[in-house]
Amino acid sequence: MKKDDFFQRVYHVVKRIPYGRVTTYGLIAKYLGSSSSARTVGWALNASHNDSSIPAHRVVNRKGLLTGKHHFKGFELMRQLLESEGIIIEDDKVLDFEQKIWTPK
């Protein structure tokens, strides 16, 4: 599979993340049948920042940390976007992560 095809599949999944919920790089990779590709999911999201239809801010690491925040134009933008959806962030981590996680199906 070509990288562009994988990236498009990532974007399709990310667009389905419900407002006020988050998912992880690993859950997306697993859903796409490539469990070891969590880092590639991150690369796809880094390449998506010019497309506002892809809510990349809703993807966090497996512990709920905002590890992708430095890829957003404003250092606090990822946090601000999540908080605008009602997600509480403390020390760069999603509080109540277990209740906010969305698993692609």
C-alpha atoms as a PDB file:
ATOM      1  CA  MET A   1       0.000   0.000   0.000  1.00  0.00           C
ATOM      2  CA  LYS A   2       1.290   3.442  -0.883  1.00  0.00           C
ATOM      3  CA  LYS A   3       1.818   6.036   1.836  1.00  0.00           C
ATOM      4  CA  ASP A   4      -0.791   8.367   0.306  1.00  0.00           C
ATOM      5  CA  ASP A   5      -3.408   5.592   0.411  1.00  0.00           C
ATOM      6  CA  PHE A   6      -2.669   4.919   4.089  1.00  0.00           C
ATOM      7  CA  PHE A   7      -2.813   8.644   4.895  1.00  0.00           C
ATOM      8  CA  GLN A   8      -6.232   8.911   3.203  1.00  0.00           C
ATOM      9  CA  ARG A   9      -7.490   5.958   5.221  1.00  0.00           C
ATOM     10  CA  VAL A  10      -6.248   7.653   8.409  1.00  0.00           C
ATOM     11  CA  TYR A  11      -8.074  10.866   7.465  1.00  0.00           C
ATOM     12  CA  HIS A  12     -11.278   8.939   6.831  1.00  0.00           C
ATOM     13  CA  VAL A  13     -11.148   7.469  10.357  1.00  0.00           C
ATOM     14  CA  VAL A  14     -10.189  10.752  12.030  1.00  0.00           C
ATOM     15  CA  LYS A  15     -13.118  12.543  10.415  1.00  0.00           C
ATOM     16  CA  ARG A  16     -15.412  10.055  12.197  1.00  0.00           C
ATOM     17  CA  ILE A  17     -14.178  10.863  15.726  1.00  0.00           C
ATOM     18  CA  PRO A  18     -17.192  12.344  17.517  1.00  0.00           C
ATOM     19  CA  TYR A  19     -17.134  15.891  18.852  1.00  0.00           C
ATOM     20  CA  GLY A  20     -15.985  15.867  22.466  1.00  0.00           C
ATOM     21  CA  ARG A  21     -14.176  12.527  22.164  1.00  0.00           C
ATOM     22  CA  VAL A  22     -10.596  11.454  21.453  1.00  0.00           C
ATOM     23  CA  THR A  23      -8.863   8.396  20.077  1.00  0.00           C
ATOM     24  CA  THR A  24      -5.257   7.254  19.875  1.00  0.00           C
ATOM     25  CA  TYR A  25      -2.712   6.786  17.126  1.00  0.00           C
ATOM     26  CA  GLY A  26      -2.542   3.101  18.027  1.00  0.00           C
ATOM     27  CA  LEU A  27      -6.299   2.521  17.897  1.00  0.00           C
ATOM     28  CA  ILE A  28      -6.428   4.066  14.432  1.00  0.00           C
ATOM     29  CA  ALA A  29      -3.498   1.924  13.264  1.00  0.00           C
ATOM     30  CA  LYS A  30      -5.102  -1.212  14.698  1.00  0.00           C
ATOM     31  CA  TYR A  31      -8.442  -0.408  13.031  1.00  0.00           C
ATOM     32  CA  LEU A  32      -6.633   0.002   9.706  1.00  0.00           C
ATOM     33  CA  GLY A  33      -5.083  -3.460  10.108  1.00  0.00           C
ATOM     34  CA  SER A  34      -1.580  -2.227  10.806  1.00  0.00           C
ATOM     35  CA  SER A  35      -1.103  -2.262  14.578  1.00  0.00           C
ATOM     36  CA  SER A  36       2.568  -1.368  14.339  1.00  0.00           C
ATOM     37  CA  SER A  37       1.885   1.813  12.338  1.00  0.00           C
ATOM     38  CA  ALA A  38       0.912   4.239  15.118  1.00  0.00           C
ATOM     39  CA  ARG A  39       3.870   6.463  14.249  1.00  0.00           C
ATOM     40  CA  THR A  40       2.771   6.553  10.597  1.00  0.00           C
ATOM     41  CA  VAL A  41      -0.687   7.645  11.754  1.00  0.00           C
ATOM     42  CA  GLY A  42       1.073  10.546  13.472  1.00  0.00           C
ATOM     43  CA  TRP A  43       2.938  11.419  10.273  1.00  0.00           C
ATOM     44  CA  ALA A  44      -0.353  11.417   8.371  1.00  0.00           C
ATOM     45  CA  LEU A  45      -1.866  13.803  10.899  1.00  0.00           C
ATOM     46  CA  ASN A  46       1.185  16.072  10.748  1.00  0.00           C
ATOM     47  CA  ALA A  47       0.626  16.320   7.005  1.00  0.00           C
ATOM     48  CA  SER A  48      -3.067  17.190   7.455  1.00  0.00           C
ATOM     49  CA  HIS A  49      -2.861  20.505   9.281  1.00  0.00           C
ATOM     50  CA  ASN A  50      -3.815  22.548   6.221  1.00  0.00           C
ATOM     51  CA  ASP A  51      -7.134  20.693   5.985  1.00  0.00           C
ATOM     52  CA  SER A  52      -9.549  21.962   8.633  1.00  0.00           C
ATOM     53  CA  SER A  53     -11.981  19.110   7.881  1.00  0.00           C
ATOM     54  CA  ILE A  54      -9.599  16.669   9.615  1.00  0.00           C
ATOM     55  CA  PRO A  55      -9.898  17.046  13.420  1.00  0.00           C
ATOM     56  CA  ALA A  56      -6.329  15.962  14.150  1.00  0.00           C
ATOM     57  CA  HIS A  57      -6.570  17.572  17.600  1.00  0.00           C
ATOM     58  CA  ARG A  58      -8.780  14.656  18.688  1.00  0.00           C
ATOM     59  CA  VAL A  59      -5.915  12.151  18.405  1.00  0.00           C
ATOM     60  CA  VAL A  60      -3.721  11.659  21.475  1.00  0.00           C
ATOM     61  CA  ASN A  61      -1.252   9.046  22.627  1.00  0.00           C
ATOM     62  CA  ARG A  62      -2.240   5.829  24.411  1.00  0.00           C
ATOM     63  CA  LYS A  63      -2.025   7.532  27.812  1.00  0.00           C
ATOM     64  CA  GLY A  64      -4.161  10.506  26.809  1.00  0.00           C
ATOM     65  CA  LEU A  65      -1.231  12.893  26.431  1.00  0.00           C
ATOM     66  CA  LEU A  66      -1.281  15.678  23.842  1.00  0.00           C
ATOM     67  CA  THR A  67       1.939  14.498  22.230  1.00  0.00           C
ATOM     68  CA  GLY A  68       1.069  16.034  18.857  1.00  0.00           C
ATOM     69  CA  LYS A  69       0.540  19.537  20.188  1.00  0.00           C
ATOM     70  CA  HIS A  70       3.853  20.888  18.895  1.00  0.00           C
ATOM     71  CA  HIS A  71       2.692  20.242  15.320  1.00  0.00           C
ATOM     72  CA  PHE A  72      -0.152  22.758  15.597  1.00  0.00           C
ATOM     73  CA  LYS A  73       0.542  26.384  14.631  1.00  0.00           C
ATOM     74  CA  GLY A  74      -0.181  27.705  18.114  1.00  0.00           C
ATOM     75  CA  PHE A  75       1.553  25.719  20.857  1.00  0.00           C
ATOM     76  CA  GLU A  76      -1.679  25.730  22.894  1.00  0.00           C
ATOM     77  CA  LEU A  77      -4.039  25.272  19.929  1.00  0.00           C
ATOM     78  CA  MET A  78      -4.566  21.531  20.399  1.00  0.00           C
ATOM     79  CA  ARG A  79      -5.497  22.046  24.046  1.00  0.00           C
ATOM     80  CA  GLN A  80      -7.772  24.977  23.186  1.00  0.00           C
ATOM     81  CA  LEU A  81      -9.598  22.995  20.503  1.00  0.00           C
ATOM     82  CA  LEU A  82     -10.165  20.048  22.836  1.00  0.00           C
ATOM     83  CA  GLU A  83     -11.314  22.293  25.674  1.00  0.00           C
ATOM     84  CA  SER A  84     -13.750  24.043  23.309  1.00  0.00           C
ATOM     85  CA  GLU A  85     -15.345  20.599  22.871  1.00  0.00           C
ATOM     86  CA  GLY A  86     -15.711  20.136  26.629  1.00  0.00           C
ATOM     87  CA  ILE A  87     -12.636  17.962  27.153  1.00  0.00           C
ATOM     88  CA  ILE A  88     -10.731  18.880  30.300  1.00  0.00           C
ATOM     89  CA  ILE A  89      -6.947  18.955  29.941  1.00  0.00           C
ATOM     90  CA  GLU A  90      -4.568  18.998  32.877  1.00  0.00           C
ATOM     91  CA  ASP A  91      -0.784  18.867  32.512  1.00  0.00           C
ATOM     92  CA  ASP A  92      -1.201  18.147  28.769  1.00  0.00           C
ATOM     93  CA  LYS A  93      -3.346  15.090  29.517  1.00  0.00           C
ATOM     94  CA  VAL A  94      -7.026  14.345  28.872  1.00  0.00           C
ATOM     95  CA  LEU A  95      -8.791  13.969  32.212  1.00  0.00           C
ATOM     96  CA  ASP A  96     -11.336  11.157  32.334  1.00  0.00           C
ATOM     97  CA  PHE A  97      -9.481   9.665  29.378  1.00  0.00           C
ATOM     98  CA  GLU A  98     -11.237   6.304  29.769  1.00  0.00           C
ATOM     99  CA  GLN A  99     -14.631   8.008  29.392  1.00  0.00           C
ATOM    100  CA  LYS A 100     -13.558  10.211  26.474  1.00  0.00           C
ATOM    101  CA  ILE A 101     -11.870   7.523  24.354  1.00  0.00           C
ATOM    102  CA  TRP A 102     -13.545   6.562  21.073  1.00  0.00           C
ATOM    103  CA  THR A 103     -12.637   3.271  19.425  1.00  0.00           C
ATOM    104  CA  PRO A 104     -13.081   3.076  15.629  1.00  0.00           C
ATOM    105  CA  LYS A 105     -15.425   0.314  14.517  1.00  0.00           C
END
